N, C-alpha and C. Protein backbone atom coordinates (compact mmCIF):
# COMPACT_ATOMS: atom_id res chain seq x y z
N MET A 1 107.65 104.40 97.56
CA MET A 1 107.00 104.90 99.20
C MET A 1 108.17 105.82 99.77
N GLY A 2 109.39 105.77 99.03
CA GLY A 2 110.28 107.10 99.81
C GLY A 2 109.64 108.55 99.54
N ALA A 3 108.94 108.69 97.82
CA ALA A 3 108.44 109.66 97.56
C ALA A 3 107.47 110.24 98.53
N GLU A 4 106.73 109.12 98.77
CA GLU A 4 105.57 109.61 99.48
C GLU A 4 105.77 110.49 101.21
N ILE A 5 106.97 109.68 101.55
CA ILE A 5 107.32 109.84 102.84
C ILE A 5 108.03 111.24 102.81
N GLU A 6 108.85 111.57 101.60
CA GLU A 6 109.08 112.89 101.65
C GLU A 6 108.14 113.81 101.43
N GLN A 7 107.24 113.58 100.66
CA GLN A 7 106.01 114.64 100.78
C GLN A 7 105.26 114.72 101.53
N ALA A 8 104.98 113.97 102.53
CA ALA A 8 104.63 114.03 103.75
C ALA A 8 105.00 115.10 104.76
N ILE A 9 106.41 114.82 104.72
CA ILE A 9 107.46 115.68 105.47
C ILE A 9 107.07 117.21 105.20
N ILE A 10 107.05 117.27 103.84
CA ILE A 10 107.40 118.75 103.17
C ILE A 10 105.91 119.47 103.43
N ASP A 11 104.76 118.58 103.35
CA ASP A 11 103.65 118.87 103.81
C ASP A 11 103.35 119.35 105.02
N GLY A 12 103.84 118.63 105.87
CA GLY A 12 103.84 118.52 107.66
C GLY A 12 104.37 120.09 107.80
N MET A 13 105.50 120.34 107.16
CA MET A 13 106.40 121.67 107.02
C MET A 13 105.39 122.44 107.09
N TYR A 14 105.01 122.96 105.88
CA TYR A 14 104.08 123.84 105.37
C TYR A 14 102.94 124.05 106.46
N VAL A 15 102.29 123.13 106.79
CA VAL A 15 101.14 123.42 107.77
C VAL A 15 101.93 123.90 109.22
N GLY A 16 102.93 123.45 109.61
CA GLY A 16 103.40 123.80 110.79
C GLY A 16 104.02 125.49 110.68
N PHE A 17 104.39 125.74 109.45
CA PHE A 17 105.23 127.13 109.25
C PHE A 17 104.19 127.71 109.34
N ASN A 18 103.32 127.50 108.07
CA ASN A 18 102.18 128.44 108.07
C ASN A 18 101.38 128.89 109.69
N GLN A 19 101.60 127.89 110.60
CA GLN A 19 100.78 128.49 111.81
C GLN A 19 102.05 129.12 112.62
N GLY A 20 103.18 129.49 112.02
CA GLY A 20 104.23 129.92 112.78
C GLY A 20 104.70 129.26 113.81
N ARG A 21 104.96 127.88 113.67
CA ARG A 21 105.84 127.32 114.85
C ARG A 21 106.65 125.95 113.97
N GLU A 22 107.19 125.33 114.65
CA GLU A 22 108.19 124.41 114.12
C GLU A 22 107.01 123.20 113.50
N VAL A 23 107.55 122.11 112.74
CA VAL A 23 106.49 121.08 112.46
C VAL A 23 106.89 120.20 113.44
N THR A 24 105.70 119.15 113.53
CA THR A 24 105.61 118.06 114.74
C THR A 24 105.23 116.76 114.09
N THR A 25 105.44 115.87 114.46
CA THR A 25 105.30 114.56 114.13
C THR A 25 103.75 114.49 113.66
N GLU A 26 102.78 115.09 114.55
CA GLU A 26 101.50 114.91 114.07
C GLU A 26 101.14 115.76 113.00
N ASP A 27 101.96 116.84 112.71
CA ASP A 27 101.83 117.35 111.38
C ASP A 27 102.15 116.49 110.35
N ILE A 28 103.16 115.69 110.36
CA ILE A 28 103.48 114.67 109.40
C ILE A 28 102.48 113.50 109.69
N LEU A 29 101.93 113.12 110.50
CA LEU A 29 101.18 111.66 110.55
C LEU A 29 99.82 112.17 109.87
N LEU A 30 99.12 113.43 110.10
CA LEU A 30 98.13 113.90 109.19
C LEU A 30 98.25 114.12 107.82
N ALA A 31 99.51 114.45 107.18
CA ALA A 31 99.63 114.56 105.85
C ALA A 31 99.96 113.18 105.40
N LEU A 32 100.26 112.35 106.10
CA LEU A 32 100.70 110.81 105.69
C LEU A 32 98.67 110.44 105.56
N ALA A 33 98.20 110.57 106.49
CA ALA A 33 97.06 109.82 106.58
C ALA A 33 96.06 110.46 105.26
N ARG A 34 96.50 111.67 104.72
CA ARG A 34 95.49 112.69 103.86
C ARG A 34 96.09 112.14 102.07
N GLN A 35 97.14 111.19 102.11
CA GLN A 35 97.90 111.10 100.92
C GLN A 35 96.99 109.80 100.54
N VAL A 36 96.73 109.91 99.19
CA VAL A 36 96.03 108.61 98.15
C VAL A 36 97.28 107.81 97.63
N PRO A 37 97.32 106.69 97.87
CA PRO A 37 98.63 105.92 97.21
C PRO A 37 98.40 106.07 95.74
N LEU A 38 99.72 105.88 95.05
CA LEU A 38 99.56 105.80 93.56
C LEU A 38 98.83 104.36 93.15
N SER A 39 98.92 103.31 93.81
CA SER A 39 98.23 102.21 93.69
C SER A 39 96.83 102.41 93.22
N LEU A 40 96.07 103.60 94.14
CA LEU A 40 94.73 103.89 93.57
C LEU A 40 94.54 105.01 93.02
N SER A 41 94.95 105.81 92.66
CA SER A 41 95.10 107.26 92.04
C SER A 41 95.40 106.86 90.60
N GLN A 42 96.63 105.95 90.39
CA GLN A 42 97.02 105.53 88.90
C GLN A 42 96.51 104.00 88.56
N ARG A 43 95.58 103.61 89.26
CA ARG A 43 95.23 102.28 89.03
C ARG A 43 95.30 101.76 87.83
N GLU A 44 94.63 102.54 86.99
CA GLU A 44 94.56 102.34 85.54
C GLU A 44 95.68 101.98 84.83
N ALA A 45 96.51 103.09 85.04
CA ALA A 45 97.93 103.19 84.48
C ALA A 45 98.99 101.93 84.76
N ILE A 46 98.54 101.57 85.93
CA ILE A 46 99.48 100.42 86.36
C ILE A 46 98.87 99.53 86.09
N SER A 47 97.67 98.97 85.82
CA SER A 47 97.12 97.88 85.09
C SER A 47 97.61 98.01 83.48
N PHE A 48 97.41 99.02 83.08
CA PHE A 48 97.91 99.09 81.74
C PHE A 48 99.40 98.60 81.28
N LEU A 49 100.25 98.79 82.19
CA LEU A 49 101.50 98.71 82.28
C LEU A 49 101.90 97.33 82.41
N ARG A 50 101.50 96.60 83.13
CA ARG A 50 101.68 95.30 83.87
C ARG A 50 100.73 94.47 82.74
N ASP A 51 99.86 94.67 81.93
CA ASP A 51 99.12 94.14 80.89
C ASP A 51 100.33 94.11 79.68
N TRP A 52 100.59 95.18 79.61
CA TRP A 52 101.74 95.37 78.32
C TRP A 52 102.99 94.46 78.51
N LEU A 53 103.45 94.26 80.03
CA LEU A 53 104.54 93.33 80.23
C LEU A 53 103.86 91.89 79.93
N ARG A 54 102.81 91.71 80.27
CA ARG A 54 102.40 90.38 79.88
C ARG A 54 102.46 90.27 78.71
N GLU A 55 102.14 90.87 77.77
CA GLU A 55 101.94 90.56 76.46
C GLU A 55 103.22 90.86 75.60
N GLY A 56 104.39 90.67 76.37
CA GLY A 56 105.73 91.14 75.91
C GLY A 56 105.72 92.18 74.88
N ARG A 57 105.44 93.26 75.19
CA ARG A 57 105.28 94.42 74.74
C ARG A 57 106.34 95.61 74.98
N ALA A 58 106.85 95.01 76.24
CA ALA A 58 107.60 95.72 76.98
C ALA A 58 108.66 94.97 77.80
N GLN A 59 110.06 95.63 77.96
CA GLN A 59 110.52 94.13 79.02
C GLN A 59 111.23 94.92 80.30
N SER A 60 110.80 93.91 81.33
CA SER A 60 111.11 94.60 82.75
C SER A 60 112.43 94.64 82.90
N ALA A 61 112.79 95.68 83.97
CA ALA A 61 114.04 96.56 84.31
C ALA A 61 114.74 95.61 85.48
N SER A 62 113.70 95.44 86.07
CA SER A 62 113.77 94.50 87.31
C SER A 62 114.06 92.71 87.31
N PHE A 63 113.51 92.19 86.19
CA PHE A 63 113.41 90.80 86.38
C PHE A 63 113.48 90.45 84.86
N GLU A 64 114.25 89.06 84.51
CA GLU A 64 114.67 88.55 83.58
C GLU A 64 113.38 87.76 82.55
N GLU A 65 112.45 87.17 83.31
CA GLU A 65 111.50 86.61 82.93
C GLU A 65 109.90 87.36 83.57
N VAL A 66 109.15 87.29 82.58
CA VAL A 66 107.89 88.00 82.84
C VAL A 66 107.13 87.39 84.03
N LYS A 67 107.45 85.87 84.22
CA LYS A 67 106.87 85.25 85.38
C LYS A 67 107.13 85.60 86.56
N GLN A 68 108.83 85.83 86.90
CA GLN A 68 109.34 86.74 87.99
C GLN A 68 108.47 87.61 88.25
N ALA A 69 108.42 88.58 87.16
CA ALA A 69 107.91 90.31 87.78
C ALA A 69 106.19 89.84 88.18
N GLU A 70 105.52 89.09 87.25
CA GLU A 70 104.15 88.87 88.06
C GLU A 70 104.33 88.47 89.42
N GLN A 71 105.05 87.61 89.89
CA GLN A 71 105.05 86.96 91.05
C GLN A 71 105.37 88.35 92.17
N ALA A 72 106.44 89.11 91.71
CA ALA A 72 106.71 90.31 92.56
C ALA A 72 105.75 91.23 92.58
N PHE A 73 104.75 91.31 91.48
CA PHE A 73 103.80 92.62 91.53
C PHE A 73 103.13 92.62 92.99
N VAL A 74 103.02 93.90 93.30
CA VAL A 74 101.95 94.12 94.42
C VAL A 74 100.83 94.04 94.01
N PRO A 75 99.90 93.52 94.91
CA PRO A 75 98.22 93.32 94.71
C PRO A 75 98.00 94.42 94.93
N LEU A 76 97.04 95.16 93.99
CA LEU A 76 96.27 96.09 94.07
C LEU A 76 95.02 95.91 94.91
N GLN A 77 95.37 96.89 96.06
CA GLN A 77 94.16 96.51 97.30
C GLN A 77 92.97 97.99 97.23
N LEU A 78 91.81 97.70 96.35
CA LEU A 78 91.14 98.64 96.44
C LEU A 78 89.98 98.76 97.37
N GLU A 79 89.92 99.85 98.11
CA GLU A 79 89.11 100.30 99.29
C GLU A 79 88.19 101.15 98.90
N ILE A 80 87.19 101.19 97.86
CA ILE A 80 86.62 102.13 97.62
C ILE A 80 84.80 102.02 98.15
């Protein structure tokens, strides 16, 4: 989430500076609204990695057991 916030600020700065003014909160909010979350744009890759973990082909760096990792997964909310 931190990377998305950072990018929204950078995008907002580009908008403001290209218009010859300082960045505003509105610039940042509009940049946030235009962002596509990684959970949507990379949904197949995330699903593939989760399956890989479940199959025992990878080890979680954050959790000792696969069950713990599965419980911590953030459900993908698809609004297509």
